[in-house]
C-alpha atoms as a PDB file:
ATOM      1  CA  MET A   1      16.982   3.194   7.952  1.00  0.00           C
ATOM      2  CA  LYS A   2      18.766   0.178   6.472  1.00  0.00           C
ATOM      3  CA  ASN A   3      17.349  -2.681   4.299  1.00  0.00           C
ATOM      4  CA  ASP A   4      17.727  -5.110   7.209  1.00  0.00           C
ATOM      5  CA  ASP A   5      15.163  -3.374   9.345  1.00  0.00           C
ATOM      6  CA  MET A   6      13.164  -2.115   6.543  1.00  0.00           C
ATOM      7  CA  HIS A   7      12.354  -5.544   4.602  1.00  0.00           C
ATOM      8  CA  PRO A   8      10.930  -7.224   7.656  1.00  0.00           C
ATOM      9  CA  TYR A   9       8.219  -4.151   7.678  1.00  0.00           C
ATOM     10  CA  MET A  10       7.975  -5.398   3.979  1.00  0.00           C
ATOM     11  CA  ILE A  11       7.158  -9.469   5.012  1.00  0.00           C
ATOM     12  CA  GLU A  12       4.971  -8.365   7.869  1.00  0.00           C
ATOM     13  CA  CYS A  13       2.583  -5.627   5.773  1.00  0.00           C
ATOM     14  CA  ALA A  14       2.595  -7.919   3.020  1.00  0.00           C
ATOM     15  CA  ALA A  15       1.113 -11.023   4.776  1.00  0.00           C
ATOM     16  CA  GLU A  16      -1.744  -9.097   6.171  1.00  0.00           C
ATOM     17  CA  ALA A  17      -2.676  -7.633   3.379  1.00  0.00           C
ATOM     18  CA  ALA A  18      -2.543 -10.814   1.567  1.00  0.00           C
ATOM     19  CA  ARG A  19      -5.052 -11.778   4.298  1.00  0.00           C
ATOM     20  CA  VAL A  20      -7.472  -8.770   3.905  1.00  0.00           C
ATOM     21  CA  ALA A  21      -7.300  -9.547  -0.108  1.00  0.00           C
ATOM     22  CA  ARG A  22      -9.021 -13.128   1.189  1.00  0.00           C
ATOM     23  CA  GLY A  23     -11.133 -11.700   3.133  1.00  0.00           C
ATOM     24  CA  VAL A  24     -13.062  -9.765   0.228  1.00  0.00           C
ATOM     25  CA  THR A  25     -16.113 -11.127  -1.351  1.00  0.00           C
ATOM     26  CA  ALA A  26     -17.070 -11.218  -5.157  1.00  0.00           C
ATOM     27  CA  ALA A  27     -20.219  -9.008  -4.059  1.00  0.00           C
ATOM     28  CA  GLN A  28     -18.567  -6.188  -2.320  1.00  0.00           C
ATOM     29  CA  LEU A  29     -16.479  -5.615  -5.245  1.00  0.00           C
ATOM     30  CA  SER A  30     -19.179  -3.350  -6.822  1.00  0.00           C
ATOM     31  CA  ASP A  31     -19.518  -1.381  -3.520  1.00  0.00           C
ATOM     32  CA  PRO A  32     -18.479   2.069  -3.041  1.00  0.00           C
ATOM     33  CA  SER A  33     -15.578   2.453  -0.865  1.00  0.00           C
ATOM     34  CA  HIS A  34     -14.627   5.669   1.484  1.00  0.00           C
ATOM     35  CA  CYS A  35     -11.861   6.789  -1.466  1.00  0.00           C
ATOM     36  CA  PRO A  36     -14.026   9.834  -3.494  1.00  0.00           C
ATOM     37  CA  GLY A  37     -14.891   8.445  -6.801  1.00  0.00           C
ATOM     38  CA  TRP A  38     -13.681   4.471  -6.349  1.00  0.00           C
ATOM     39  CA  ASP A  39     -15.909   1.203  -5.876  1.00  0.00           C
ATOM     40  CA  VAL A  40     -13.767  -1.480  -4.373  1.00  0.00           C
ATOM     41  CA  ARG A  41     -12.846  -3.085  -7.380  1.00  0.00           C
ATOM     42  CA  ALA A  42     -11.055   0.389  -8.305  1.00  0.00           C
ATOM     43  CA  LEU A  43      -9.549   0.565  -5.452  1.00  0.00           C
ATOM     44  CA  VAL A  44      -8.468  -3.273  -5.229  1.00  0.00           C
ATOM     45  CA  ASN A  45      -7.178  -3.443  -8.284  1.00  0.00           C
ATOM     46  CA  HIS A  46      -4.704  -0.295  -7.656  1.00  0.00           C
ATOM     47  CA  TRP A  47      -3.629  -1.850  -4.524  1.00  0.00           C
ATOM     48  CA  VAL A  48      -3.095  -5.336  -6.338  1.00  0.00           C
ATOM     49  CA  LEU A  49      -1.007  -3.075  -9.015  1.00  0.00           C
ATOM     50  CA  TYR A  50       1.162  -1.027  -7.049  1.00  0.00           C
ATOM     51  CA  THR A  51       1.846  -2.841  -4.134  1.00  0.00           C
ATOM     52  CA  SER A  52       2.481  -6.548  -5.840  1.00  0.00           C
ATOM     53  CA  HIS A  53       3.494  -6.107  -9.452  1.00  0.00           C
ATOM     54  CA  GLY A  54       5.038  -3.091  -8.878  1.00  0.00           C
ATOM     55  CA  LEU A  55       7.223  -3.743  -6.028  1.00  0.00           C
ATOM     56  CA  GLU A  56       8.488  -6.390  -7.698  1.00  0.00           C
ATOM     57  CA  HIS A  57       8.746  -4.511 -10.969  1.00  0.00           C
ATOM     58  CA  ARG A  58      11.253  -1.963  -8.943  1.00  0.00           C
ATOM     59  CA  ALA A  59      13.404  -4.277  -7.431  1.00  0.00           C
ATOM     60  CA  LEU A  60      14.212  -5.927 -11.072  1.00  0.00           C
ATOM     61  CA  ARG A  61      14.220  -2.082 -12.376  1.00  0.00           C
ATOM     62  CA  LYS A  62      11.417  -2.876 -14.994  1.00  0.00           C
ATOM     63  CA  GLN A  63       8.532  -0.457 -15.833  1.00  0.00           C
ATOM     64  CA  LEU A  64       5.480  -1.441 -15.470  1.00  0.00           C
ATOM     65  CA  PRO A  65       3.697  -3.130 -18.703  1.00  0.00           C
ATOM     66  CA  GLU A  66       0.604  -1.544 -19.646  1.00  0.00           C
ATOM     67  CA  GLU A  67      -1.206  -4.977 -20.240  1.00  0.00           C
ATOM     68  CA  LEU A  68      -0.598  -4.661 -16.332  1.00  0.00           C
ATOM     69  CA  THR A  69      -1.758  -1.127 -15.895  1.00  0.00           C
ATOM     70  CA  ALA A  70      -4.891  -2.005 -17.486  1.00  0.00           C
ATOM     71  CA  ARG A  71      -6.038  -4.781 -16.411  1.00  0.00           C
ATOM     72  CA  ASP A  72      -8.665  -5.864 -14.168  1.00  0.00           C
ATOM     73  CA  PHE A  73      -7.110  -8.379 -11.610  1.00  0.00           C
ATOM     74  CA  THR A  74     -10.643  -8.877  -9.632  1.00  0.00           C
ATOM     75  CA  ALA A  75     -11.938 -10.314 -12.894  1.00  0.00           C
ATOM     76  CA  GLU A  76     -10.200 -13.622 -11.593  1.00  0.00           C
ATOM     77  CA  PRO A  77     -12.111 -15.538  -9.325  1.00  0.00           C
ATOM     78  CA  ASP A  78      -8.722 -16.451  -7.896  1.00  0.00           C
ATOM     79  CA  TRP A  79      -6.956 -13.010  -7.528  1.00  0.00           C
ATOM     80  CA  ALA A  80      -6.321 -12.809  -3.913  1.00  0.00           C
ATOM     81  CA  GLU A  81      -4.363 -16.191  -4.060  1.00  0.00           C
ATOM     82  CA  ALA A  82      -3.013 -14.821  -7.033  1.00  0.00           C
ATOM     83  CA  TYR A  83      -2.261 -11.631  -5.284  1.00  0.00           C
ATOM     84  CA  ALA A  84      -0.637 -13.649  -2.179  1.00  0.00           C
ATOM     85  CA  ALA A  85       1.949 -15.226  -4.747  1.00  0.00           C
ATOM     86  CA  GLN A  86       2.608 -12.283  -6.792  1.00  0.00           C
ATOM     87  CA  LEU A  87       3.838 -10.897  -3.116  1.00  0.00           C
ATOM     88  CA  ASP A  88       5.680 -13.676  -2.203  1.00  0.00           C
ATOM     89  CA  ARG A  89       7.311 -12.775  -5.169  1.00  0.00           C
ATOM     90  CA  ALA A  90       7.579  -8.795  -4.901  1.00  0.00           C
ATOM     91  CA  VAL A  91       8.938  -9.214  -1.534  1.00  0.00           C
ATOM     92  CA  ALA A  92      11.593 -12.343  -2.410  1.00  0.00           C
ATOM     93  CA  ALA A  93      12.930  -9.898  -5.011  1.00  0.00           C
ATOM     94  CA  TRP A  94      13.891  -7.731  -2.072  1.00  0.00           C
ATOM     95  CA  ALA A  95      15.550  -9.704  -0.207  1.00  0.00           C
ATOM     96  CA  ASP A  96      18.461  -9.272  -2.079  1.00  0.00           C
ATOM     97  CA  PRO A  97      20.515  -6.021  -0.342  1.00  0.00           C
ATOM     98  CA  ALA A  98      21.703  -5.534  -3.974  1.00  0.00           C
ATOM     99  CA  VAL A  99      18.516  -4.577  -5.106  1.00  0.00           C
ATOM    100  CA  TRP A 100      18.468  -1.786  -2.372  1.00  0.00           C
ATOM    101  CA  GLU A 101      21.414   0.041  -3.666  1.00  0.00           C
ATOM    102  CA  GLY A 102      21.076   3.003  -6.090  1.00  0.00           C
ATOM    103  CA  GLU A 103      17.846   4.267  -7.650  1.00  0.00           C
ATOM    104  CA  VAL A 104      15.084   3.326  -9.644  1.00  0.00           C
ATOM    105  CA  ASP A 105      13.704   5.226 -12.930  1.00  0.00           C
ATOM    106  CA  LEU A 106      10.065   5.456 -12.369  1.00  0.00           C
ATOM    107  CA  GLY A 107      10.421   7.151 -16.358  1.00  0.00           C
ATOM    108  CA  MET A 108       9.674  10.531 -14.766  1.00  0.00           C
ATOM    109  CA  ALA A 109      12.072  10.645 -12.340  1.00  0.00           C
ATOM    110  CA  LYS A 110      14.530   8.813 -10.485  1.00  0.00           C
ATOM    111  CA  VAL A 111      14.053   7.606  -7.048  1.00  0.00           C
ATOM    112  CA  SER A 112      16.200   5.680  -4.577  1.00  0.00           C
ATOM    113  CA  ALA A 113      15.464   2.102  -3.913  1.00  0.00           C
ATOM    114  CA  THR A 114      15.119   2.602  -0.566  1.00  0.00           C
ATOM    115  CA  ASP A 115      12.792   5.347  -0.975  1.00  0.00           C
ATOM    116  CA  ILE A 116      10.916   3.521  -3.456  1.00  0.00           C
ATOM    117  CA  ALA A 117      10.555   0.468  -1.231  1.00  0.00           C
ATOM    118  CA  SER A 118       9.614   2.374   2.197  1.00  0.00           C
ATOM    119  CA  MET A 119       6.676   4.377   0.101  1.00  0.00           C
ATOM    120  CA  VAL A 120       5.834   0.908  -1.559  1.00  0.00           C
ATOM    121  CA  ILE A 121       5.272  -0.590   2.333  1.00  0.00           C
ATOM    122  CA  LYS A 122       3.081   2.591   3.174  1.00  0.00           C
ATOM    123  CA  GLU A 123       1.103   1.571   0.210  1.00  0.00           C
ATOM    124  CA  LEU A 124       0.514  -1.798   1.686  1.00  0.00           C
ATOM    125  CA  ALA A 125      -0.221  -0.809   4.871  1.00  0.00           C
ATOM    126  CA  VAL A 126      -2.360   2.665   4.096  1.00  0.00           C
ATOM    127  CA  HIS A 127      -4.554   0.562   1.052  1.00  0.00           C
ATOM    128  CA  GLY A 128      -4.541  -2.251   3.120  1.00  0.00           C
ATOM    129  CA  TRP A 129      -6.406  -0.728   5.455  1.00  0.00           C
ATOM    130  CA  ASP A 130      -8.155   1.406   2.855  1.00  0.00           C
ATOM    131  CA  VAL A 131      -9.736  -2.127   1.390  1.00  0.00           C
ATOM    132  CA  ALA A 132     -10.306  -3.224   4.943  1.00  0.00           C
ATOM    133  CA  THR A 133     -12.328  -0.589   5.915  1.00  0.00           C
ATOM    134  CA  ALA A 134     -14.037  -0.907   2.608  1.00  0.00           C
ATOM    135  CA  THR A 135     -15.365  -4.314   3.199  1.00  0.00           C
ATOM    136  CA  GLY A 136     -15.466  -4.926   7.141  1.00  0.00           C
ATOM    137  CA  GLN A 137     -11.896  -6.193   8.081  1.00  0.00           C
ATOM    138  CA  GLU A 138      -9.682  -5.063  10.372  1.00  0.00           C
ATOM    139  CA  TYR A 139      -5.811  -4.206   9.093  1.00  0.00           C
ATOM    140  CA  ARG A 140      -3.783  -5.083  11.682  1.00  0.00           C
ATOM    141  CA  VAL A 141       0.328  -4.145  12.085  1.00  0.00           C
ATOM    142  CA  SER A 142       3.092  -4.055  14.879  1.00  0.00           C
ATOM    143  CA  ASP A 143       3.570  -1.127  16.539  1.00  0.00           C
ATOM    144  CA  GLY A 144       7.121  -1.284  14.865  1.00  0.00           C
ATOM    145  CA  ALA A 145       5.805  -1.078  11.234  1.00  0.00           C
ATOM    146  CA  ALA A 146       3.240   0.920  12.614  1.00  0.00           C
ATOM    147  CA  ARG A 147       5.957   3.723  13.484  1.00  0.00           C
ATOM    148  CA  PHE A 148       7.780   3.380  10.082  1.00  0.00           C
ATOM    149  CA  VAL A 149       4.609   3.565   8.255  1.00  0.00           C
ATOM    150  CA  LEU A 150       4.060   6.944  10.073  1.00  0.00           C
ATOM    151  CA  ALA A 151       7.596   7.889   9.525  1.00  0.00           C
ATOM    152  CA  VAL A 152       6.943   7.629   5.576  1.00  0.00           C
ATOM    153  CA  VAL A 153       3.578   9.196   5.792  1.00  0.00           C
ATOM    154  CA  GLU A 154       4.998  11.977   7.294  1.00  0.00           C
ATOM    155  CA  THR A 155       8.019  12.274   5.122  1.00  0.00           C
ATOM    156  CA  HIS A 156       6.709  11.945   2.129  1.00  0.00           C
ATOM    157  CA  GLY A 157       2.896  13.373   2.883  1.00  0.00           C
ATOM    158  CA  ASP A 158       2.955  16.794   0.683  1.00  0.00           C
ATOM    159  CA  LEU A 159       3.993  15.125  -2.353  1.00  0.00           C
ATOM    160  CA  TYR A 160       0.921  12.866  -2.482  1.00  0.00           C
ATOM    161  CA  ARG A 161      -0.865  15.970  -1.312  1.00  0.00           C
ATOM    162  CA  GLN A 162      -0.119  16.904  -4.900  1.00  0.00           C
ATOM    163  CA  TYR A 163      -1.180  13.947  -6.769  1.00  0.00           C
ATOM    164  CA  ASP A 164      -4.467  13.731  -4.539  1.00  0.00           C
ATOM    165  CA  GLY A 165      -3.130  10.813  -2.993  1.00  0.00           C
ATOM    166  CA  PHE A 166      -3.705  11.923   0.876  1.00  0.00           C
ATOM    167  CA  ALA A 167      -6.309  14.307   1.976  1.00  0.00           C
ATOM    168  CA  ASP A 168      -5.302  17.261   4.359  1.00  0.00           C
ATOM    169  CA  PRO A 169      -4.293  15.078   8.410  1.00  0.00           C
ATOM    170  CA  VAL A 170      -7.036  14.692  10.364  1.00  0.00           C
ATOM    171  CA  PRO A 171      -6.791  15.655  13.639  1.00  0.00           C
ATOM    172  CA  VAL A 172      -5.993  12.691  16.174  1.00  0.00           C
ATOM    173  CA  PRO A 173      -5.442  12.305  20.274  1.00  0.00           C
ATOM    174  CA  ASP A 174      -1.982  12.954  20.917  1.00  0.00           C
ATOM    175  CA  ASP A 175      -2.314   9.309  22.838  1.00  0.00           C
ATOM    176  CA  ALA A 176      -4.085   7.607  19.798  1.00  0.00           C
ATOM    177  CA  PRO A 177      -2.433   4.347  18.544  1.00  0.00           C
ATOM    178  CA  VAL A 178       0.658   4.621  16.421  1.00  0.00           C
ATOM    179  CA  PHE A 179      -1.104   3.307  12.805  1.00  0.00           C
ATOM    180  CA  ASP A 180      -4.417   5.733  13.346  1.00  0.00           C
ATOM    181  CA  ARG A 181      -1.582   8.436  13.725  1.00  0.00           C
ATOM    182  CA  ALA A 182      -0.385   7.385  10.236  1.00  0.00           C
ATOM    183  CA  LEU A 183      -3.576   7.292   9.169  1.00  0.00           C
ATOM    184  CA  ALA A 184      -4.851  10.118  10.132  1.00  0.00           C
ATOM    185  CA  SER A 185      -1.608  12.487   8.806  1.00  0.00           C
ATOM    186  CA  SER A 186      -2.382  10.738   5.334  1.00  0.00           C
ATOM    187  CA  GLY A 187      -6.164  12.201   5.456  1.00  0.00           C
ATOM    188  CA  ARG A 188      -7.807   9.338   6.763  1.00  0.00           C
ATOM    189  CA  ASP A 189     -10.206   8.682  10.266  1.00  0.00           C
ATOM    190  CA  SER A 190      -9.953   5.417  11.599  1.00  0.00           C
ATOM    191  CA  ARG A 191     -12.872   6.414  13.437  1.00  0.00           C
ATOM    192  CA  THR A 192     -15.313   6.673  11.153  1.00  0.00           C
ATOM    193  CA  GLY A 193     -13.554   5.966   7.538  1.00  0.00           C
ATOM    194  CA  ARG A 194     -13.149   9.241   6.164  1.00  0.00           C
ATOM    195  CA  PRO A 195     -12.181  11.007   4.426  1.00  0.00           C
ATOM    196  CA  SER A 196      -9.447   9.302   2.121  1.00  0.00           C
ATOM    197  CA  PHE A 197      -7.474  10.214  -1.228  1.00  0.00           C
ATOM    198  CA  GLY A 198      -8.741  11.684  -4.037  1.00  0.00           C
END
């Protein structure tokens, strides 16, 4: 898939992630999530780090500094607005067609920029659903974005399962909505909110 086709999905999923973030209350941050061993705060911090700061740093071909990886983003009262602003910067960084060329050095491996972008779009949607589900919200995507996320999940599912990023696939009816099928392929059950990654 060309970057001209993928960037709109990045824009869409980032906008929906920002909307969900704004719906998280301070009181919910200490609640458990459906992700084993993770409360909502840990889940949100992971989501914010990799889908906004990580997304921009990948575009700029920079490593994430330790200061960011150790930060509790939710400690700031306006963290959701800061996340939305950082998402805007990250998405803008990927608007340049040249950014989609070549590889991104992750430190332990080099991965094509297109693959990195596709996996972060998936993270925006799947972890966006995780956060939405843990806080009584919905994460909504278009059918086109859902089909894209499903393809990414199916392509990279085994890799994510190696690192406990996905659980085993969940059975789902053949006529289930596309995004539900993407979630199921990642080990998430849209009907119950469980199981999820370890």
